[in-house]
Amino acid sequence: MTERELKLLLEAHAIKQVQVHYAVMSQGYMIVADGKPLETGKKETREFKTLDAAAKLLFKLGVADFGVRLRTSS
């Protein structure tokens, strides 16, 4: 989903869970909303260099409560 789609879903209260995952391969972070990663306009996973950068975008979209996963395997 794109940033625009995420914003519309958030405004409609249709998103239950937002998380920021550490992406080992890119050594950065990605935003995941209800199991779907945030994507660029080219349908590639949008990556953030820092956790702060991801949090700033979420705050801009109106998300004040989100989870952080630093490890994807259990």
C-alpha atoms as a PDB file:
ATOM      1  CA  MET A   1       0.000   0.000   0.000  1.00  0.00           C
ATOM      2  CA  THR A   2       1.184   3.513  -0.741  1.00  0.00           C
ATOM      3  CA  GLU A   3       1.395   6.400   1.714  1.00  0.00           C
ATOM      4  CA  ARG A   4      -1.800   7.881   0.247  1.00  0.00           C
ATOM      5  CA  GLU A   5      -3.682   4.587   0.643  1.00  0.00           C
ATOM      6  CA  LEU A   6      -2.429   4.233   4.217  1.00  0.00           C
ATOM      7  CA  LYS A   7      -3.602   7.745   5.056  1.00  0.00           C
ATOM      8  CA  LEU A   8      -7.087   7.055   3.643  1.00  0.00           C
ATOM      9  CA  LEU A   9      -7.348   3.790   5.577  1.00  0.00           C
ATOM     10  CA  LEU A  10      -6.208   5.492   8.783  1.00  0.00           C
ATOM     11  CA  GLU A  11      -8.804   8.244   8.331  1.00  0.00           C
ATOM     12  CA  ALA A  12     -11.470   5.565   7.871  1.00  0.00           C
ATOM     13  CA  HIS A  13     -10.217   3.754  11.016  1.00  0.00           C
ATOM     14  CA  ALA A  14      -9.714   0.648   8.896  1.00  0.00           C
ATOM     15  CA  ILE A  15      -6.181  -0.137  10.140  1.00  0.00           C
ATOM     16  CA  LYS A  16      -5.882  -2.274  13.275  1.00  0.00           C
ATOM     17  CA  GLN A  17      -2.113  -2.541  13.707  1.00  0.00           C
ATOM     18  CA  VAL A  18       0.909  -0.547  12.589  1.00  0.00           C
ATOM     19  CA  GLN A  19       4.447  -1.791  13.130  1.00  0.00           C
ATOM     20  CA  VAL A  20       7.939  -0.749  12.136  1.00  0.00           C
ATOM     21  CA  HIS A  21      10.100  -3.754  11.237  1.00  0.00           C
ATOM     22  CA  TYR A  22      13.862  -3.873  11.022  1.00  0.00           C
ATOM     23  CA  ALA A  23      14.767  -4.993   7.496  1.00  0.00           C
ATOM     24  CA  VAL A  24      17.957  -7.043   7.823  1.00  0.00           C
ATOM     25  CA  MET A  25      18.752  -7.127   4.110  1.00  0.00           C
ATOM     26  CA  SER A  26      18.691  -3.352   3.697  1.00  0.00           C
ATOM     27  CA  GLN A  27      19.815  -2.613   7.257  1.00  0.00           C
ATOM     28  CA  GLY A  28      16.960  -0.161   7.597  1.00  0.00           C
ATOM     29  CA  TYR A  29      13.322  -0.078   8.646  1.00  0.00           C
ATOM     30  CA  MET A  30       9.978  -0.558   6.948  1.00  0.00           C
ATOM     31  CA  ILE A  31       6.421   0.286   7.971  1.00  0.00           C
ATOM     32  CA  VAL A  32       3.900  -2.563   8.024  1.00  0.00           C
ATOM     33  CA  ALA A  33       0.173  -1.874   8.449  1.00  0.00           C
ATOM     34  CA  ASP A  34      -2.080  -4.886   9.037  1.00  0.00           C
ATOM     35  CA  GLY A  35       0.587  -7.154   7.539  1.00  0.00           C
ATOM     36  CA  LYS A  36       1.112  -5.097   4.357  1.00  0.00           C
ATOM     37  CA  PRO A  37       4.328  -3.117   3.852  1.00  0.00           C
ATOM     38  CA  LEU A  38       4.292   0.544   2.883  1.00  0.00           C
ATOM     39  CA  GLU A  39       5.346   0.836  -0.764  1.00  0.00           C
ATOM     40  CA  THR A  40       6.669   3.462  -3.137  1.00  0.00           C
ATOM     41  CA  GLY A  41       4.777   4.486  -6.263  1.00  0.00           C
ATOM     42  CA  LYS A  42       6.745   1.795  -8.125  1.00  0.00           C
ATOM     43  CA  LYS A  43       5.369  -0.905  -5.781  1.00  0.00           C
ATOM     44  CA  GLU A  44       8.733  -1.419  -4.062  1.00  0.00           C
ATOM     45  CA  THR A  45       8.904  -1.643  -0.274  1.00  0.00           C
ATOM     46  CA  ARG A  46       9.623   1.803   1.131  1.00  0.00           C
ATOM     47  CA  GLU A  47      12.698   1.722   3.329  1.00  0.00           C
ATOM     48  CA  PHE A  48      13.823   4.138   6.029  1.00  0.00           C
ATOM     49  CA  LYS A  49      17.437   4.490   7.164  1.00  0.00           C
ATOM     50  CA  THR A  50      16.482   5.190  10.779  1.00  0.00           C
ATOM     51  CA  LEU A  51      13.679   4.331  13.165  1.00  0.00           C
ATOM     52  CA  ASP A  52      13.212   8.073  13.714  1.00  0.00           C
ATOM     53  CA  ALA A  53      12.530   8.642  10.014  1.00  0.00           C
ATOM     54  CA  ALA A  54       9.818   5.967  10.004  1.00  0.00           C
ATOM     55  CA  ALA A  55       8.323   7.362  13.228  1.00  0.00           C
ATOM     56  CA  LYS A  56       8.243  10.903  11.770  1.00  0.00           C
ATOM     57  CA  LEU A  57       6.209   9.712   8.794  1.00  0.00           C
ATOM     58  CA  LEU A  58       3.796   7.814  11.022  1.00  0.00           C
ATOM     59  CA  PHE A  59       3.390  10.864  13.256  1.00  0.00           C
ATOM     60  CA  LYS A  60       2.726  13.013  10.168  1.00  0.00           C
ATOM     61  CA  LEU A  61      -0.009  10.556   9.155  1.00  0.00           C
ATOM     62  CA  GLY A  62      -1.560  10.731  12.624  1.00  0.00           C
ATOM     63  CA  VAL A  63      -0.255   7.464  14.076  1.00  0.00           C
ATOM     64  CA  ALA A  64       0.924   7.954  17.653  1.00  0.00           C
ATOM     65  CA  ASP A  65       0.885   4.300  18.746  1.00  0.00           C
ATOM     66  CA  PHE A  66       2.820   1.644  16.849  1.00  0.00           C
ATOM     67  CA  GLY A  67       4.932  -1.412  17.571  1.00  0.00           C
ATOM     68  CA  VAL A  68       8.578  -1.997  16.721  1.00  0.00           C
ATOM     69  CA  ARG A  69       9.958  -5.418  15.701  1.00  0.00           C
ATOM     70  CA  LEU A  70      13.714  -5.652  15.626  1.00  0.00           C
ATOM     71  CA  ARG A  71      13.783  -9.390  14.957  1.00  0.00           C
ATOM     72  CA  THR A  72      11.575 -11.048  12.344  1.00  0.00           C
ATOM     73  CA  SER A  73      12.236 -14.660  13.358  1.00  0.00           C
ATOM     74  CA  SER A  74      11.169 -16.077  16.716  1.00  0.00           C
END
